[in-house]
Amino acid sequence: MFVWKKKYDAVTREMGRQIVERDDTLMVREATIGRLQRTSEDMLARNLELQARVIASDAKLEAAMASLAQIAAQETATANATVKRMARLAREGIGARNARDQQAAA
């Protein structure tokens, strides 16, 4: 009976050690997953913030382009070559952005 008790105690100690070891491993993995999840959430929030900035910049660019195009279309002395050039550059900027958007969507 004493031999079985020794074997039982040895097996119990080994199982206890393995349980503690697995628990430590799981705690480390949970901490890593938590950090990754927080990083992912931070990146998503930053992405949304940057998208909002791009949308705001696009709206400003389109408004400026429309204003310059309107001035250039007047065909008066105030619609000189510089204003026409600025309107053309604005149109090309919008066109390039639209082309990039279409390529990204494809």
C-alpha atoms as a PDB file:
ATOM      1  CA  MET A   1       0.000   0.000   0.000  1.00  0.00           C
ATOM      2  CA  PHE A   2       2.855   2.346   0.820  1.00  0.00           C
ATOM      3  CA  VAL A   3       4.343   1.947  -2.700  1.00  0.00           C
ATOM      4  CA  TRP A   4       1.033   2.903  -4.293  1.00  0.00           C
ATOM      5  CA  LYS A   5       0.793   5.944  -2.032  1.00  0.00           C
ATOM      6  CA  LYS A   6       4.261   7.082  -3.150  1.00  0.00           C
ATOM      7  CA  LYS A   7       3.323   6.625  -6.812  1.00  0.00           C
ATOM      8  CA  TYR A   8       0.022   8.423  -6.275  1.00  0.00           C
ATOM      9  CA  ASP A   9       1.784  11.335  -4.557  1.00  0.00           C
ATOM     10  CA  ALA A  10       4.383  11.529  -7.343  1.00  0.00           C
ATOM     11  CA  VAL A  11       1.686  11.538 -10.042  1.00  0.00           C
ATOM     12  CA  THR A  12      -0.338  14.120  -8.120  1.00  0.00           C
ATOM     13  CA  ARG A  13       2.697  16.406  -7.759  1.00  0.00           C
ATOM     14  CA  GLU A  14       3.503  16.066 -11.459  1.00  0.00           C
ATOM     15  CA  MET A  15      -0.088  16.850 -12.441  1.00  0.00           C
ATOM     16  CA  GLY A  16      -0.120  19.839 -10.098  1.00  0.00           C
ATOM     17  CA  ARG A  17       3.132  21.111 -11.610  1.00  0.00           C
ATOM     18  CA  GLN A  18       1.753  20.715 -15.129  1.00  0.00           C
ATOM     19  CA  ILE A  19      -1.455  22.520 -14.195  1.00  0.00           C
ATOM     20  CA  VAL A  20       0.522  25.452 -12.761  1.00  0.00           C
ATOM     21  CA  GLU A  21       2.736  25.495 -15.860  1.00  0.00           C
ATOM     22  CA  ARG A  22      -0.276  25.501 -18.206  1.00  0.00           C
ATOM     23  CA  ASP A  23      -1.927  28.224 -16.135  1.00  0.00           C
ATOM     24  CA  ASP A  24       1.171  30.413 -16.454  1.00  0.00           C
ATOM     25  CA  THR A  25       1.263  29.801 -20.205  1.00  0.00           C
ATOM     26  CA  LEU A  26      -2.415  30.680 -20.557  1.00  0.00           C
ATOM     27  CA  MET A  27      -1.996  33.876 -18.548  1.00  0.00           C
ATOM     28  CA  VAL A  28       0.865  34.974 -20.805  1.00  0.00           C
ATOM     29  CA  ARG A  29      -1.180  34.203 -23.921  1.00  0.00           C
ATOM     30  CA  GLU A  30      -4.220  36.052 -22.568  1.00  0.00           C
ATOM     31  CA  ALA A  31      -2.062  39.102 -21.848  1.00  0.00           C
ATOM     32  CA  THR A  32      -0.628  38.958 -25.368  1.00  0.00           C
ATOM     33  CA  ILE A  33      -4.090  38.638 -26.900  1.00  0.00           C
ATOM     34  CA  GLY A  34      -5.292  41.577 -24.803  1.00  0.00           C
ATOM     35  CA  ARG A  35      -2.412  43.757 -26.001  1.00  0.00           C
ATOM     36  CA  LEU A  36      -3.020  42.765 -29.612  1.00  0.00           C
ATOM     37  CA  GLN A  37      -6.723  43.504 -29.284  1.00  0.00           C
ATOM     38  CA  ARG A  38      -6.038  46.964 -27.813  1.00  0.00           C
ATOM     39  CA  THR A  39      -3.523  47.665 -30.574  1.00  0.00           C
ATOM     40  CA  SER A  40      -6.039  46.553 -33.190  1.00  0.00           C
ATOM     41  CA  GLU A  41      -8.740  48.788 -31.721  1.00  0.00           C
ATOM     42  CA  ASP A  42      -6.332  51.739 -31.623  1.00  0.00           C
ATOM     43  CA  MET A  43      -5.377  51.144 -35.253  1.00  0.00           C
ATOM     44  CA  LEU A  44      -9.037  50.948 -36.280  1.00  0.00           C
ATOM     45  CA  ALA A  45      -9.798  54.221 -34.489  1.00  0.00           C
ATOM     46  CA  ARG A  46      -6.799  55.887 -36.165  1.00  0.00           C
ATOM     47  CA  ASN A  47      -7.899  54.541 -39.551  1.00  0.00           C
ATOM     48  CA  LEU A  48     -11.388  55.992 -39.088  1.00  0.00           C
ATOM     49  CA  GLU A  49      -9.890  59.322 -38.013  1.00  0.00           C
ATOM     50  CA  LEU A  50      -7.674  59.431 -41.101  1.00  0.00           C
ATOM     51  CA  GLN A  51     -10.602  58.526 -43.365  1.00  0.00           C
ATOM     52  CA  ALA A  52     -12.575  61.440 -41.914  1.00  0.00           C
ATOM     53  CA  ARG A  53      -9.624  63.759 -42.593  1.00  0.00           C
ATOM     54  CA  VAL A  54      -9.381  62.540 -46.194  1.00  0.00           C
ATOM     55  CA  ILE A  55     -13.102  63.110 -46.731  1.00  0.00           C
ATOM     56  CA  ALA A  56     -12.813  66.635 -45.298  1.00  0.00           C
ATOM     57  CA  SER A  57      -9.787  67.376 -47.492  1.00  0.00           C
ATOM     58  CA  ASP A  58     -11.601  66.049 -50.561  1.00  0.00           C
ATOM     59  CA  ALA A  59     -14.566  68.301 -49.848  1.00  0.00           C
ATOM     60  CA  LYS A  60     -12.278  71.334 -49.499  1.00  0.00           C
ATOM     61  CA  LEU A  61     -10.440  70.437 -52.704  1.00  0.00           C
ATOM     62  CA  GLU A  62     -13.664  70.042 -54.653  1.00  0.00           C
ATOM     63  CA  ALA A  63     -14.978  73.366 -53.339  1.00  0.00           C
ATOM     64  CA  ALA A  64     -11.739  75.109 -54.316  1.00  0.00           C
ATOM     65  CA  MET A  65     -11.791  73.457 -57.720  1.00  0.00           C
ATOM     66  CA  ALA A  66     -15.374  74.528 -58.331  1.00  0.00           C
ATOM     67  CA  SER A  67     -14.558  78.091 -57.306  1.00  0.00           C
ATOM     68  CA  LEU A  68     -11.500  78.251 -59.549  1.00  0.00           C
ATOM     69  CA  ALA A  69     -13.369  76.670 -62.454  1.00  0.00           C
ATOM     70  CA  GLN A  70     -16.136  79.229 -62.036  1.00  0.00           C
ATOM     71  CA  ILE A  71     -13.603  82.078 -62.093  1.00  0.00           C
ATOM     72  CA  ALA A  72     -11.815  80.586 -65.111  1.00  0.00           C
ATOM     73  CA  ALA A  73     -15.100  80.202 -66.990  1.00  0.00           C
ATOM     74  CA  GLN A  74     -15.882  83.918 -66.746  1.00  0.00           C
ATOM     75  CA  GLU A  75     -13.489  84.735 -69.608  1.00  0.00           C
ATOM     76  CA  THR A  76     -12.801  88.169 -68.156  1.00  0.00           C
ATOM     77  CA  ALA A  77      -9.593  89.987 -67.376  1.00  0.00           C
ATOM     78  CA  THR A  78      -9.684  88.626 -63.823  1.00  0.00           C
ATOM     79  CA  ALA A  79      -9.702  85.058 -65.132  1.00  0.00           C
ATOM     80  CA  ASN A  80      -6.071  85.288 -66.186  1.00  0.00           C
ATOM     81  CA  ALA A  81      -3.723  82.473 -67.083  1.00  0.00           C
ATOM     82  CA  THR A  82      -2.720  81.845 -63.466  1.00  0.00           C
ATOM     83  CA  VAL A  83      -6.296  81.266 -62.329  1.00  0.00           C
ATOM     84  CA  LYS A  84      -6.970  79.037 -65.333  1.00  0.00           C
ATOM     85  CA  ARG A  85      -3.796  77.083 -64.571  1.00  0.00           C
ATOM     86  CA  MET A  86      -4.847  76.672 -60.930  1.00  0.00           C
ATOM     87  CA  ALA A  87      -8.273  75.426 -62.008  1.00  0.00           C
ATOM     88  CA  ARG A  88      -6.676  72.937 -64.403  1.00  0.00           C
ATOM     89  CA  LEU A  89      -4.346  71.665 -61.656  1.00  0.00           C
ATOM     90  CA  ALA A  90      -7.302  71.291 -59.297  1.00  0.00           C
ATOM     91  CA  ARG A  91      -9.248  69.327 -61.937  1.00  0.00           C
ATOM     92  CA  GLU A  92      -6.239  67.077 -62.533  1.00  0.00           C
ATOM     93  CA  GLY A  93      -5.879  66.542 -58.785  1.00  0.00           C
ATOM     94  CA  ILE A  94      -9.505  65.429 -58.526  1.00  0.00           C
ATOM     95  CA  GLY A  95      -9.073  63.189 -61.566  1.00  0.00           C
ATOM     96  CA  ALA A  96      -5.948  61.578 -60.124  1.00  0.00           C
ATOM     97  CA  ARG A  97      -7.690  60.970 -56.807  1.00  0.00           C
ATOM     98  CA  ASN A  98     -10.689  59.418 -58.567  1.00  0.00           C
ATOM     99  CA  ALA A  99      -8.374  57.178 -60.596  1.00  0.00           C
ATOM    100  CA  ARG A 100      -6.609  56.044 -57.386  1.00  0.00           C
ATOM    101  CA  ASP A 101      -9.992  55.336 -55.784  1.00  0.00           C
ATOM    102  CA  GLN A 102     -11.072  53.274 -58.785  1.00  0.00           C
ATOM    103  CA  GLN A 103      -7.811  51.311 -58.754  1.00  0.00           C
ATOM    104  CA  ALA A 104      -8.173  50.652 -55.030  1.00  0.00           C
ATOM    105  CA  ALA A 105     -11.751  49.442 -55.531  1.00  0.00           C
ATOM    106  CA  ALA A 106     -10.716  47.057 -58.320  1.00  0.00           C
END
